[in-house]
Amino acid sequence: MRISQLSQAADLPVGTVKFYLRTGLLHPGRATSATQAIYDESHLERLRLVRALLETGKLSHAEIQRVLAALAAPQAAPEAAPLDTLEMLSLATAEPADVEAASVDLAAAREVVLQLGWSISEDSPHLPALANALSALQSIGVAPSAERMRVYAEAASHVARNDVATVTEADPAVRALVAAAGTALYDAFFTALRRLAVENQIARQRTRVPGQRATAIPSA
């Protein structure tokens, strides 16, 4: 298909498609002349992925570039170990460690994961995000209590088990894409569910309608 047809199929302006081509978010088409190229289903799938990561996943262009690079890496090939693929995509969406770690005190974040008994590397690129969140909560006087920390950690651990199982059990041909979706898009999915759950709890508290008995959440 021509770029105009690709644009229409992806529901994106031609200018946006050309921008993605210039910046490398979309791979080049098959050249038919010095100024024209033909595009196929792989380009449409890439545009849908980029749009989902940008609009729903709220990733920056730089983060999307890292995700796409990770998807194209040899470690994301079908024969790669599932956990290696998942780890690679998880790291791709983290802020560059050299930028974050230089400006954030990670002591509190490291203490939290130590108390939880989690196996986290000393230089994990996800620690700065936890440190920033803790600092912001403390700055306004609403730092999480030990009980609230436990509840959030158990919920996160339960979701993480499912994420890892989903990736390891996925068809090797689409495993990297499943890992990318779990890393970026399911964050938005989980946030939306949590907010809806709060809305549900408020409604039930007001009407005193008993909710379903919650199943036990596995510990971290």
N, C-alpha and C. Protein backbone atom coordinates (compact mmCIF):
# COMPACT_ATOMS: atom_id res chain seq x y z
N MET A 1 0.84 -1.20 0.00
CA MET A 1 0.00 0.00 0.00
C MET A 1 0.88 1.25 0.00
N ARG A 2 0.35 2.32 -0.57
CA ARG A 2 1.04 3.60 -0.57
C ARG A 2 0.95 4.23 0.83
N ILE A 3 1.75 5.27 1.05
CA ILE A 3 1.77 5.89 2.37
C ILE A 3 0.41 6.50 2.71
N SER A 4 -0.31 6.99 1.70
CA SER A 4 -1.63 7.55 1.95
C SER A 4 -2.61 6.47 2.40
N GLN A 5 -2.48 5.28 1.81
CA GLN A 5 -3.34 4.16 2.20
C GLN A 5 -2.97 3.65 3.60
N LEU A 6 -1.67 3.64 3.89
CA LEU A 6 -1.20 3.24 5.22
C LEU A 6 -1.73 4.22 6.27
N SER A 7 -1.66 5.49 5.94
CA SER A 7 -2.15 6.53 6.84
C SER A 7 -3.63 6.35 7.13
N GLN A 8 -4.39 6.07 6.10
CA GLN A 8 -5.83 5.89 6.26
C GLN A 8 -6.14 4.64 7.08
N ALA A 9 -5.43 3.55 6.81
CA ALA A 9 -5.66 2.30 7.54
C ALA A 9 -5.32 2.44 9.01
N ALA A 10 -4.28 3.23 9.31
CA ALA A 10 -3.85 3.43 10.69
C ALA A 10 -4.59 4.55 11.38
N ASP A 11 -5.41 5.29 10.63
CA ASP A 11 -6.15 6.44 11.15
C ASP A 11 -5.20 7.47 11.73
N LEU A 12 -4.15 7.75 10.97
CA LEU A 12 -3.16 8.75 11.36
C LEU A 12 -2.90 9.69 10.19
N PRO A 13 -2.61 10.96 10.45
CA PRO A 13 -2.27 11.87 9.36
C PRO A 13 -1.01 11.41 8.62
N VAL A 14 -0.95 11.70 7.33
CA VAL A 14 0.23 11.33 6.55
C VAL A 14 1.48 11.97 7.16
N GLY A 15 1.34 13.20 7.65
CA GLY A 15 2.48 13.88 8.25
C GLY A 15 3.03 13.14 9.46
N THR A 16 2.12 12.54 10.25
CA THR A 16 2.55 11.78 11.42
C THR A 16 3.29 10.52 10.99
N VAL A 17 2.78 9.84 9.98
CA VAL A 17 3.44 8.64 9.48
C VAL A 17 4.84 8.98 8.96
N LYS A 18 4.95 10.09 8.24
CA LYS A 18 6.26 10.51 7.72
C LYS A 18 7.20 10.86 8.87
N PHE A 19 6.67 11.47 9.93
CA PHE A 19 7.49 11.79 11.10
C PHE A 19 8.02 10.51 11.74
N TYR A 20 7.16 9.51 11.87
CA TYR A 20 7.60 8.24 12.44
C TYR A 20 8.66 7.58 11.57
N LEU A 21 8.55 7.74 10.26
CA LEU A 21 9.57 7.21 9.36
C LEU A 21 10.90 7.92 9.56
N ARG A 22 10.83 9.25 9.68
CA ARG A 22 12.07 10.04 9.85
C ARG A 22 12.76 9.72 11.16
N THR A 23 11.99 9.49 12.22
CA THR A 23 12.57 9.28 13.55
C THR A 23 12.88 7.82 13.84
N GLY A 24 12.52 6.92 12.93
CA GLY A 24 12.83 5.52 13.13
C GLY A 24 11.79 4.74 13.90
N LEU A 25 10.68 5.38 14.29
CA LEU A 25 9.62 4.65 14.98
C LEU A 25 8.90 3.71 14.02
N LEU A 26 8.99 4.00 12.73
CA LEU A 26 8.42 3.14 11.70
C LEU A 26 9.53 2.76 10.73
N HIS A 27 9.67 1.47 10.45
CA HIS A 27 10.71 1.01 9.54
C HIS A 27 10.38 1.40 8.10
N PRO A 28 11.40 1.59 7.27
CA PRO A 28 11.17 2.04 5.88
C PRO A 28 10.38 1.01 5.07
N GLY A 29 9.67 1.53 4.08
CA GLY A 29 8.96 0.65 3.17
C GLY A 29 9.88 0.19 2.05
N ARG A 30 9.33 -0.59 1.14
CA ARG A 30 10.11 -1.06 -0.01
C ARG A 30 10.08 0.01 -1.09
N ALA A 31 11.24 0.56 -1.37
CA ALA A 31 11.33 1.66 -2.33
C ALA A 31 10.95 1.21 -3.73
N THR A 32 10.09 2.00 -4.40
CA THR A 32 9.71 1.73 -5.78
C THR A 32 10.27 2.81 -6.71
N SER A 33 10.73 3.90 -6.13
CA SER A 33 11.38 4.98 -6.88
C SER A 33 12.14 5.83 -5.88
N ALA A 34 12.72 6.91 -6.35
CA ALA A 34 13.50 7.77 -5.45
C ALA A 34 12.63 8.46 -4.41
N THR A 35 11.34 8.59 -4.69
CA THR A 35 10.46 9.33 -3.78
C THR A 35 9.25 8.54 -3.29
N GLN A 36 9.12 7.29 -3.69
CA GLN A 36 7.96 6.51 -3.31
C GLN A 36 8.36 5.15 -2.77
N ALA A 37 7.48 4.60 -1.92
CA ALA A 37 7.73 3.28 -1.33
C ALA A 37 6.40 2.58 -1.12
N ILE A 38 6.48 1.27 -0.96
CA ILE A 38 5.31 0.44 -0.71
C ILE A 38 5.40 -0.08 0.73
N TYR A 39 4.26 -0.09 1.40
CA TYR A 39 4.21 -0.54 2.79
C TYR A 39 3.28 -1.74 2.91
N ASP A 40 3.49 -2.54 3.96
CA ASP A 40 2.69 -3.75 4.12
C ASP A 40 2.08 -3.83 5.52
N GLU A 41 1.56 -5.01 5.84
CA GLU A 41 0.88 -5.20 7.12
C GLU A 41 1.80 -4.96 8.31
N SER A 42 3.09 -5.25 8.15
CA SER A 42 4.03 -5.04 9.26
C SER A 42 4.12 -3.56 9.64
N HIS A 43 3.98 -2.69 8.67
CA HIS A 43 4.02 -1.25 8.95
C HIS A 43 2.75 -0.81 9.68
N LEU A 44 1.63 -1.39 9.27
CA LEU A 44 0.37 -1.07 9.95
C LEU A 44 0.40 -1.55 11.39
N GLU A 45 0.92 -2.74 11.62
CA GLU A 45 1.03 -3.28 12.98
C GLU A 45 1.95 -2.41 13.83
N ARG A 46 3.05 -1.94 13.23
CA ARG A 46 3.99 -1.09 13.97
C ARG A 46 3.34 0.23 14.34
N LEU A 47 2.58 0.82 13.41
CA LEU A 47 1.90 2.08 13.72
C LEU A 47 0.89 1.91 14.84
N ARG A 48 0.19 0.80 14.85
CA ARG A 48 -0.78 0.54 15.92
C ARG A 48 -0.08 0.37 17.26
N LEU A 49 1.09 -0.28 17.24
CA LEU A 49 1.86 -0.46 18.48
C LEU A 49 2.37 0.89 18.99
N VAL A 50 2.95 1.67 18.10
CA VAL A 50 3.48 2.99 18.49
C VAL A 50 2.37 3.86 19.05
N ARG A 51 1.22 3.85 18.39
CA ARG A 51 0.10 4.67 18.85
C ARG A 51 -0.38 4.21 20.23
N ALA A 52 -0.44 2.90 20.44
CA ALA A 52 -0.88 2.38 21.73
C ALA A 52 0.11 2.75 22.84
N LEU A 53 1.39 2.62 22.55
CA LEU A 53 2.42 2.95 23.55
C LEU A 53 2.42 4.45 23.86
N LEU A 54 2.15 5.25 22.84
CA LEU A 54 2.17 6.70 23.01
C LEU A 54 0.91 7.21 23.70
N GLU A 55 -0.25 6.79 23.21
CA GLU A 55 -1.51 7.35 23.70
C GLU A 55 -2.02 6.66 24.96
N THR A 56 -1.90 5.35 25.03
CA THR A 56 -2.40 4.61 26.20
C THR A 56 -1.29 4.34 27.21
N GLY A 57 -0.16 3.89 26.72
CA GLY A 57 0.96 3.62 27.62
C GLY A 57 1.62 4.88 28.15
N LYS A 58 1.37 6.02 27.49
CA LYS A 58 1.93 7.32 27.90
C LYS A 58 3.46 7.31 27.90
N LEU A 59 4.05 6.52 27.01
CA LEU A 59 5.50 6.51 26.90
C LEU A 59 5.96 7.68 26.04
N SER A 60 7.14 8.17 26.33
CA SER A 60 7.72 9.22 25.51
C SER A 60 8.27 8.59 24.22
N HIS A 61 8.62 9.44 23.26
CA HIS A 61 9.19 8.91 22.03
C HIS A 61 10.49 8.17 22.31
N ALA A 62 11.28 8.69 23.25
CA ALA A 62 12.54 8.04 23.59
C ALA A 62 12.30 6.65 24.19
N GLU A 63 11.29 6.55 25.05
CA GLU A 63 10.96 5.25 25.65
C GLU A 63 10.46 4.28 24.59
N ILE A 64 9.65 4.78 23.66
CA ILE A 64 9.15 3.92 22.59
C ILE A 64 10.31 3.44 21.72
N GLN A 65 11.26 4.32 21.46
CA GLN A 65 12.44 3.93 20.70
C GLN A 65 13.16 2.78 21.38
N ARG A 66 13.28 2.86 22.71
CA ARG A 66 13.97 1.79 23.44
C ARG A 66 13.17 0.49 23.39
N VAL A 67 11.84 0.58 23.48
CA VAL A 67 11.01 -0.62 23.40
C VAL A 67 11.15 -1.27 22.02
N LEU A 68 11.11 -0.46 20.97
CA LEU A 68 11.23 -1.00 19.62
C LEU A 68 12.60 -1.61 19.39
N ALA A 69 13.63 -0.97 19.95
CA ALA A 69 14.98 -1.52 19.83
C ALA A 69 15.07 -2.85 20.54
N ALA A 70 14.41 -2.94 21.70
CA ALA A 70 14.42 -4.20 22.45
C ALA A 70 13.67 -5.29 21.68
N LEU A 71 12.56 -4.91 21.05
CA LEU A 71 11.80 -5.89 20.26
C LEU A 71 12.61 -6.42 19.10
N ALA A 72 13.51 -5.58 18.57
CA ALA A 72 14.31 -5.97 17.40
C ALA A 72 15.60 -6.67 17.80
N ALA A 73 15.92 -6.67 19.09
CA ALA A 73 17.17 -7.25 19.55
C ALA A 73 17.16 -8.78 19.44
N PRO A 74 18.34 -9.37 19.29
CA PRO A 74 18.42 -10.84 19.21
C PRO A 74 17.80 -11.53 20.43
N GLN A 75 17.87 -10.88 21.61
CA GLN A 75 17.33 -11.48 22.83
C GLN A 75 15.81 -11.62 22.77
N ALA A 76 15.17 -10.89 21.85
CA ALA A 76 13.72 -10.96 21.74
C ALA A 76 13.28 -11.96 20.66
N ALA A 77 14.24 -12.67 20.08
CA ALA A 77 13.91 -13.66 19.06
C ALA A 77 13.10 -14.80 19.68
N PRO A 78 12.32 -15.51 18.87
CA PRO A 78 11.46 -16.59 19.39
C PRO A 78 12.20 -17.62 20.22
N GLU A 79 13.48 -17.88 19.90
CA GLU A 79 14.21 -18.92 20.65
C GLU A 79 14.82 -18.41 21.94
N ALA A 80 14.68 -17.12 22.22
CA ALA A 80 15.26 -16.55 23.43
C ALA A 80 14.53 -17.03 24.67
N ALA A 81 15.22 -17.03 25.80
CA ALA A 81 14.62 -17.43 27.07
C ALA A 81 13.53 -16.42 27.44
N PRO A 82 12.35 -16.89 27.84
CA PRO A 82 11.24 -15.98 28.16
C PRO A 82 11.59 -14.93 29.20
N LEU A 83 12.29 -15.33 30.27
CA LEU A 83 12.61 -14.38 31.32
C LEU A 83 13.58 -13.31 30.83
N ASP A 84 14.49 -13.68 29.93
CA ASP A 84 15.42 -12.70 29.38
C ASP A 84 14.67 -11.66 28.55
N THR A 85 13.69 -12.14 27.77
CA THR A 85 12.88 -11.23 26.96
C THR A 85 12.10 -10.28 27.85
N LEU A 86 11.48 -10.80 28.89
CA LEU A 86 10.70 -9.97 29.79
C LEU A 86 11.57 -8.94 30.49
N GLU A 87 12.74 -9.36 30.95
CA GLU A 87 13.65 -8.44 31.64
C GLU A 87 14.10 -7.33 30.69
N MET A 88 14.40 -7.69 29.47
CA MET A 88 14.87 -6.71 28.50
C MET A 88 13.81 -5.65 28.22
N LEU A 89 12.55 -6.07 28.06
CA LEU A 89 11.48 -5.11 27.79
C LEU A 89 11.18 -4.26 29.02
N SER A 90 11.31 -4.84 30.21
CA SER A 90 11.10 -4.09 31.44
C SER A 90 12.14 -2.99 31.58
N LEU A 91 13.37 -3.30 31.26
CA LEU A 91 14.44 -2.31 31.35
C LEU A 91 14.28 -1.22 30.29
N ALA A 92 13.69 -1.58 29.16
CA ALA A 92 13.54 -0.61 28.07
C ALA A 92 12.62 0.54 28.45
N THR A 93 11.67 0.29 29.35
CA THR A 93 10.72 1.35 29.73
C THR A 93 11.16 2.11 30.97
N ALA A 94 12.31 1.76 31.51
CA ALA A 94 12.81 2.47 32.69
C ALA A 94 13.59 3.70 32.24
N GLU A 95 13.60 4.71 33.10
CA GLU A 95 14.39 5.90 32.80
C GLU A 95 15.87 5.53 32.82
N PRO A 96 16.70 6.19 32.00
CA PRO A 96 18.14 5.91 32.02
C PRO A 96 18.70 6.02 33.43
N ALA A 97 19.36 4.98 33.89
CA ALA A 97 19.84 4.93 35.28
C ALA A 97 20.83 6.05 35.60
N ASP A 98 21.69 6.40 34.63
CA ASP A 98 22.70 7.40 34.93
C ASP A 98 22.10 8.79 35.15
N VAL A 99 20.93 9.05 34.58
CA VAL A 99 20.27 10.33 34.78
C VAL A 99 19.52 10.34 36.11
N GLU A 100 18.77 9.29 36.37
CA GLU A 100 17.93 9.25 37.56
C GLU A 100 18.74 9.08 38.84
N ALA A 101 19.63 8.11 38.85
CA ALA A 101 20.34 7.78 40.08
C ALA A 101 21.20 8.93 40.58
N ALA A 102 21.64 9.79 39.68
CA ALA A 102 22.51 10.89 40.08
C ALA A 102 21.76 11.94 40.87
N SER A 103 20.45 12.01 40.71
CA SER A 103 19.69 13.08 41.35
C SER A 103 18.70 12.59 42.41
N VAL A 104 18.65 11.30 42.68
CA VAL A 104 17.67 10.75 43.60
C VAL A 104 18.35 9.94 44.69
N ASP A 105 17.93 10.16 45.94
CA ASP A 105 18.41 9.36 47.06
C ASP A 105 17.63 8.05 47.08
N LEU A 106 18.32 6.96 46.84
CA LEU A 106 17.64 5.66 46.72
C LEU A 106 17.58 4.89 48.03
N ALA A 107 18.06 5.47 49.11
CA ALA A 107 18.14 4.74 50.38
C ALA A 107 16.78 4.24 50.83
N ALA A 108 15.77 5.10 50.81
CA ALA A 108 14.43 4.71 51.28
C ALA A 108 13.83 3.62 50.40
N ALA A 109 14.03 3.75 49.08
CA ALA A 109 13.50 2.74 48.16
C ALA A 109 14.18 1.39 48.39
N ARG A 110 15.46 1.41 48.59
CA ARG A 110 16.19 0.15 48.83
C ARG A 110 15.76 -0.48 50.15
N GLU A 111 15.45 0.35 51.14
CA GLU A 111 15.00 -0.17 52.42
C GLU A 111 13.64 -0.85 52.27
N VAL A 112 12.77 -0.28 51.45
CA VAL A 112 11.45 -0.87 51.23
C VAL A 112 11.57 -2.25 50.61
N VAL A 113 12.35 -2.38 49.53
CA VAL A 113 12.46 -3.69 48.88
C VAL A 113 13.20 -4.68 49.76
N LEU A 114 14.09 -4.17 50.63
CA LEU A 114 14.77 -5.06 51.58
C LEU A 114 13.78 -5.63 52.58
N GLN A 115 12.90 -4.77 53.10
CA GLN A 115 11.88 -5.22 54.04
C GLN A 115 10.90 -6.21 53.40
N LEU A 116 10.65 -6.02 52.12
CA LEU A 116 9.74 -6.93 51.42
C LEU A 116 10.40 -8.27 51.09
N GLY A 117 11.72 -8.30 51.16
CA GLY A 117 12.42 -9.53 50.85
C GLY A 117 12.52 -9.81 49.37
N TRP A 118 12.40 -8.76 48.55
CA TRP A 118 12.45 -8.93 47.10
C TRP A 118 13.89 -8.96 46.61
N SER A 119 14.15 -9.72 45.57
CA SER A 119 15.48 -9.81 44.96
C SER A 119 15.61 -8.74 43.88
N ILE A 120 16.13 -7.60 44.28
CA ILE A 120 16.26 -6.45 43.38
C ILE A 120 17.73 -6.05 43.31
N SER A 121 18.23 -5.81 42.10
CA SER A 121 19.62 -5.42 41.96
C SER A 121 19.85 -4.03 42.54
N GLU A 122 21.06 -3.79 43.01
CA GLU A 122 21.39 -2.52 43.65
C GLU A 122 21.22 -1.34 42.70
N ASP A 123 21.42 -1.60 41.41
CA ASP A 123 21.32 -0.51 40.43
C ASP A 123 20.07 -0.64 39.55
N SER A 124 19.03 -1.25 40.09
CA SER A 124 17.79 -1.40 39.32
C SER A 124 17.31 -0.04 38.83
N PRO A 125 17.00 0.10 37.54
CA PRO A 125 16.52 1.39 37.02
C PRO A 125 15.11 1.74 37.48
N HIS A 126 14.45 0.80 38.18
CA HIS A 126 13.10 1.08 38.66
C HIS A 126 13.12 1.66 40.09
N LEU A 127 14.25 1.58 40.76
CA LEU A 127 14.35 2.12 42.11
C LEU A 127 14.12 3.63 42.17
N PRO A 128 14.66 4.41 41.21
CA PRO A 128 14.41 5.86 41.27
C PRO A 128 12.93 6.22 41.24
N ALA A 129 12.13 5.48 40.49
CA ALA A 129 10.69 5.78 40.43
C ALA A 129 10.05 5.56 41.79
N LEU A 130 10.43 4.48 42.47
CA LEU A 130 9.90 4.22 43.82
C LEU A 130 10.39 5.29 44.78
N ALA A 131 11.66 5.66 44.67
CA ALA A 131 12.22 6.69 45.55
C ALA A 131 11.50 8.02 45.36
N ASN A 132 11.22 8.38 44.12
CA ASN A 132 10.52 9.64 43.84
C ASN A 132 9.11 9.61 44.42
N ALA A 133 8.43 8.46 44.27
CA ALA A 133 7.06 8.36 44.79
C ALA A 133 7.06 8.47 46.31
N LEU A 134 7.99 7.78 46.96
CA LEU A 134 8.07 7.84 48.42
C LEU A 134 8.38 9.26 48.89
N SER A 135 9.29 9.92 48.20
CA SER A 135 9.67 11.29 48.57
C SER A 135 8.48 12.23 48.44
N ALA A 136 7.71 12.08 47.35
CA ALA A 136 6.55 12.95 47.14
C ALA A 136 5.50 12.72 48.22
N LEU A 137 5.25 11.45 48.57
CA LEU A 137 4.28 11.14 49.61
C LEU A 137 4.71 11.71 50.97
N GLN A 138 5.99 11.55 51.26
CA GLN A 138 6.50 12.05 52.54
C GLN A 138 6.45 13.57 52.60
N SER A 139 6.68 14.22 51.46
CA SER A 139 6.73 15.69 51.45
C SER A 139 5.40 16.33 51.79
N ILE A 140 4.30 15.59 51.56
CA ILE A 140 2.98 16.15 51.88
C ILE A 140 2.36 15.45 53.10
N GLY A 141 3.17 14.66 53.79
CA GLY A 141 2.73 14.07 55.05
C GLY A 141 1.82 12.88 54.95
N VAL A 142 1.86 12.16 53.83
CA VAL A 142 1.00 10.98 53.69
C VAL A 142 1.83 9.76 53.28
N ALA A 143 3.00 9.62 53.88
CA ALA A 143 3.84 8.45 53.60
C ALA A 143 3.07 7.18 53.93
N PRO A 144 3.23 6.12 53.14
CA PRO A 144 2.47 4.89 53.37
C PRO A 144 2.84 4.23 54.70
N SER A 145 1.81 3.77 55.40
CA SER A 145 2.04 3.01 56.63
C SER A 145 2.56 1.63 56.24
N ALA A 146 3.03 0.89 57.25
CA ALA A 146 3.52 -0.46 56.99
C ALA A 146 2.42 -1.34 56.41
N GLU A 147 1.18 -1.17 56.91
CA GLU A 147 0.07 -1.97 56.42
C GLU A 147 -0.26 -1.62 54.98
N ARG A 148 -0.28 -0.33 54.66
CA ARG A 148 -0.59 0.05 53.28
C ARG A 148 0.51 -0.40 52.34
N MET A 149 1.75 -0.33 52.79
CA MET A 149 2.88 -0.80 52.00
C MET A 149 2.71 -2.29 51.70
N ARG A 150 2.28 -3.05 52.72
CA ARG A 150 2.10 -4.49 52.54
C ARG A 150 1.00 -4.78 51.52
N VAL A 151 -0.11 -4.06 51.63
CA VAL A 151 -1.23 -4.28 50.70
C VAL A 151 -0.79 -4.01 49.26
N TYR A 152 -0.10 -2.90 49.04
CA TYR A 152 0.33 -2.56 47.69
C TYR A 152 1.37 -3.57 47.18
N ALA A 153 2.27 -3.97 48.07
CA ALA A 153 3.31 -4.92 47.66
C ALA A 153 2.71 -6.28 47.31
N GLU A 154 1.73 -6.72 48.07
CA GLU A 154 1.10 -8.00 47.79
C GLU A 154 0.33 -7.96 46.47
N ALA A 155 -0.37 -6.85 46.23
CA ALA A 155 -1.10 -6.71 44.97
C ALA A 155 -0.12 -6.68 43.79
N ALA A 156 0.97 -5.94 43.94
CA ALA A 156 1.97 -5.86 42.87
C ALA A 156 2.61 -7.22 42.62
N SER A 157 2.88 -7.95 43.70
CA SER A 157 3.49 -9.27 43.57
C SER A 157 2.56 -10.25 42.86
N HIS A 158 1.28 -10.17 43.20
CA HIS A 158 0.29 -11.04 42.57
C HIS A 158 0.20 -10.76 41.07
N VAL A 159 0.15 -9.48 40.70
CA VAL A 159 0.09 -9.09 39.30
C VAL A 159 1.37 -9.51 38.57
N ALA A 160 2.52 -9.33 39.23
CA ALA A 160 3.79 -9.68 38.62
C ALA A 160 3.87 -11.17 38.31
N ARG A 161 3.35 -12.01 39.23
CA ARG A 161 3.34 -13.45 38.96
C ARG A 161 2.57 -13.76 37.69
N ASN A 162 1.43 -13.09 37.54
CA ASN A 162 0.61 -13.32 36.35
C ASN A 162 1.31 -12.80 35.10
N ASP A 163 1.96 -11.65 35.20
CA ASP A 163 2.68 -11.09 34.06
C ASP A 163 3.77 -12.05 33.58
N VAL A 164 4.56 -12.54 34.52
CA VAL A 164 5.66 -13.44 34.16
C VAL A 164 5.12 -14.74 33.58
N ALA A 165 4.07 -15.28 34.19
CA ALA A 165 3.49 -16.52 33.69
C ALA A 165 2.93 -16.33 32.28
N THR A 166 2.29 -15.19 32.04
CA THR A 166 1.72 -14.91 30.72
C THR A 166 2.79 -14.87 29.65
N VAL A 167 3.92 -14.24 29.96
CA VAL A 167 5.01 -14.14 28.99
C VAL A 167 5.66 -15.50 28.76
N THR A 168 5.93 -16.23 29.82
CA THR A 168 6.61 -17.52 29.68
C THR A 168 5.75 -18.54 28.94
N GLU A 169 4.42 -18.39 29.04
CA GLU A 169 3.52 -19.34 28.39
C GLU A 169 3.09 -18.89 27.00
N ALA A 170 3.49 -17.68 26.60
CA ALA A 170 3.06 -17.14 25.31
C ALA A 170 3.75 -17.87 24.16
N ASP A 171 3.12 -17.84 23.00
CA ASP A 171 3.71 -18.37 21.77
C ASP A 171 5.03 -17.64 21.54
N PRO A 172 6.13 -18.36 21.35
CA PRO A 172 7.43 -17.70 21.15
C PRO A 172 7.43 -16.65 20.06
N ALA A 173 6.59 -16.83 19.04
CA ALA A 173 6.57 -15.88 17.93
C ALA A 173 6.06 -14.51 18.34
N VAL A 174 5.25 -14.45 19.39
CA VAL A 174 4.69 -13.16 19.82
C VAL A 174 5.08 -12.83 21.26
N ARG A 175 6.01 -13.57 21.81
CA ARG A 175 6.37 -13.40 23.22
C ARG A 175 6.89 -11.99 23.51
N ALA A 176 7.74 -11.46 22.63
CA ALA A 176 8.30 -10.12 22.87
C ALA A 176 7.20 -9.07 22.85
N LEU A 177 6.25 -9.21 21.95
CA LEU A 177 5.13 -8.26 21.89
C LEU A 177 4.27 -8.35 23.14
N VAL A 178 4.03 -9.58 23.62
CA VAL A 178 3.27 -9.77 24.85
C VAL A 178 3.99 -9.12 26.03
N ALA A 179 5.31 -9.28 26.07
CA ALA A 179 6.10 -8.67 27.14
C ALA A 179 6.04 -7.15 27.06
N ALA A 180 6.09 -6.61 25.85
CA ALA A 180 6.02 -5.15 25.69
C ALA A 180 4.67 -4.62 26.14
N ALA A 181 3.61 -5.33 25.79
CA ALA A 181 2.27 -4.91 26.20
C ALA A 181 2.14 -4.96 27.72
N GLY A 182 2.66 -6.02 28.33
CA GLY A 182 2.58 -6.15 29.77
C GLY A 182 3.38 -5.07 30.48
N THR A 183 4.50 -4.70 29.90
CA THR A 183 5.37 -3.70 30.52
C THR A 183 4.78 -2.30 30.45
N ALA A 184 4.17 -1.95 29.34
CA ALA A 184 3.69 -0.58 29.15
C ALA A 184 2.18 -0.44 29.24
N LEU A 185 1.46 -1.19 28.43
CA LEU A 185 0.02 -0.99 28.33
C LEU A 185 -0.75 -1.51 29.54
N TYR A 186 -0.27 -2.59 30.14
CA TYR A 186 -1.00 -3.11 31.30
C TYR A 186 -0.81 -2.24 32.53
N ASP A 187 0.19 -1.37 32.53
CA ASP A 187 0.30 -0.38 33.60
C ASP A 187 -0.94 0.52 33.58
N ALA A 188 -1.30 0.98 32.37
CA ALA A 188 -2.49 1.83 32.23
C ALA A 188 -3.75 1.04 32.57
N PHE A 189 -3.79 -0.21 32.16
CA PHE A 189 -4.93 -1.09 32.44
C PHE A 189 -5.11 -1.26 33.96
N PHE A 190 -4.00 -1.51 34.66
CA PHE A 190 -4.05 -1.73 36.10
C PHE A 190 -4.47 -0.45 36.83
N THR A 191 -3.94 0.68 36.40
CA THR A 191 -4.30 1.96 37.02
C THR A 191 -5.80 2.24 36.87
N ALA A 192 -6.33 1.97 35.67
CA ALA A 192 -7.75 2.19 35.44
C ALA A 192 -8.59 1.27 36.32
N LEU A 193 -8.19 0.00 36.43
CA LEU A 193 -8.93 -0.94 37.27
C LEU A 193 -8.89 -0.51 38.74
N ARG A 194 -7.74 -0.05 39.20
CA ARG A 194 -7.62 0.39 40.60
C ARG A 194 -8.56 1.56 40.87
N ARG A 195 -8.63 2.51 39.96
CA ARG A 195 -9.49 3.68 40.16
C ARG A 195 -10.97 3.28 40.11
N LEU A 196 -11.30 2.34 39.24
CA LEU A 196 -12.67 1.84 39.20
C LEU A 196 -13.00 1.07 40.47
N ALA A 197 -12.02 0.35 41.00
CA ALA A 197 -12.23 -0.39 42.24
C ALA A 197 -12.50 0.56 43.40
N VAL A 198 -11.78 1.69 43.42
CA VAL A 198 -12.04 2.71 44.45
C VAL A 198 -13.45 3.25 44.30
N GLU A 199 -13.85 3.53 43.06
CA GLU A 199 -15.21 4.02 42.81
C GLU A 199 -16.24 3.01 43.30
N ASN A 200 -15.98 1.75 43.04
CA ASN A 200 -16.88 0.68 43.48
C ASN A 200 -16.97 0.62 45.00
N GLN A 201 -15.81 0.76 45.67
CA GLN A 201 -15.80 0.71 47.14
C GLN A 201 -16.57 1.89 47.73
N ILE A 202 -16.43 3.06 47.13
CA ILE A 202 -17.17 4.24 47.61
C ILE A 202 -18.67 4.00 47.49
N ALA A 203 -19.09 3.46 46.34
CA ALA A 203 -20.51 3.20 46.13
C ALA A 203 -21.04 2.18 47.13
N ARG A 204 -20.26 1.14 47.39
CA ARG A 204 -20.70 0.09 48.32
C ARG A 204 -20.74 0.61 49.76
N GLN A 205 -19.78 1.46 50.09
CA GLN A 205 -19.78 2.04 51.44
C GLN A 205 -21.01 2.92 51.65
N ARG A 206 -21.39 3.64 50.62
CA ARG A 206 -22.54 4.54 50.73
C ARG A 206 -23.86 3.77 50.82
N THR A 207 -23.94 2.67 50.10
CA THR A 207 -25.20 1.91 50.07
C THR A 207 -25.18 0.73 51.02
N ARG A 208 -23.99 0.46 51.59
CA ARG A 208 -23.81 -0.67 52.50
C ARG A 208 -24.18 -2.00 51.85
N VAL A 209 -23.95 -2.08 50.54
CA VAL A 209 -24.17 -3.34 49.83
C VAL A 209 -22.89 -4.15 49.94
N PRO A 210 -22.96 -5.35 50.50
CA PRO A 210 -21.73 -6.15 50.65
C PRO A 210 -21.16 -6.54 49.30
N GLY A 211 -19.86 -6.46 49.19
CA GLY A 211 -19.20 -6.87 47.95
C GLY A 211 -18.85 -8.34 47.99
N GLN A 212 -18.30 -8.83 46.89
CA GLN A 212 -17.86 -10.22 46.84
C GLN A 212 -16.70 -10.42 47.77
N ARG A 213 -16.63 -11.60 48.35
CA ARG A 213 -15.50 -11.91 49.24
C ARG A 213 -14.21 -11.94 48.41
N ALA A 214 -13.24 -11.16 48.85
CA ALA A 214 -11.98 -11.10 48.11
C ALA A 214 -11.18 -12.37 48.32
N THR A 215 -10.55 -12.83 47.25
CA THR A 215 -9.69 -14.00 47.38
C THR A 215 -8.38 -13.57 48.01
N ALA A 216 -7.72 -14.49 48.67
CA ALA A 216 -6.48 -14.17 49.34
C ALA A 216 -5.41 -13.79 48.32
N ILE A 217 -4.69 -12.74 48.59
CA ILE A 217 -3.62 -12.30 47.69
C ILE A 217 -2.32 -12.93 48.16
N PRO A 218 -1.62 -13.63 47.28
CA PRO A 218 -0.34 -14.24 47.68
C PRO A 218 0.62 -13.22 48.22
N SER A 219 1.40 -13.58 49.18
CA SER A 219 2.38 -12.66 49.76
C SER A 219 3.55 -12.51 48.79
N ALA A 220 4.33 -11.46 49.03
CA ALA A 220 5.50 -11.21 48.17
C ALA A 220 6.53 -12.33 48.36
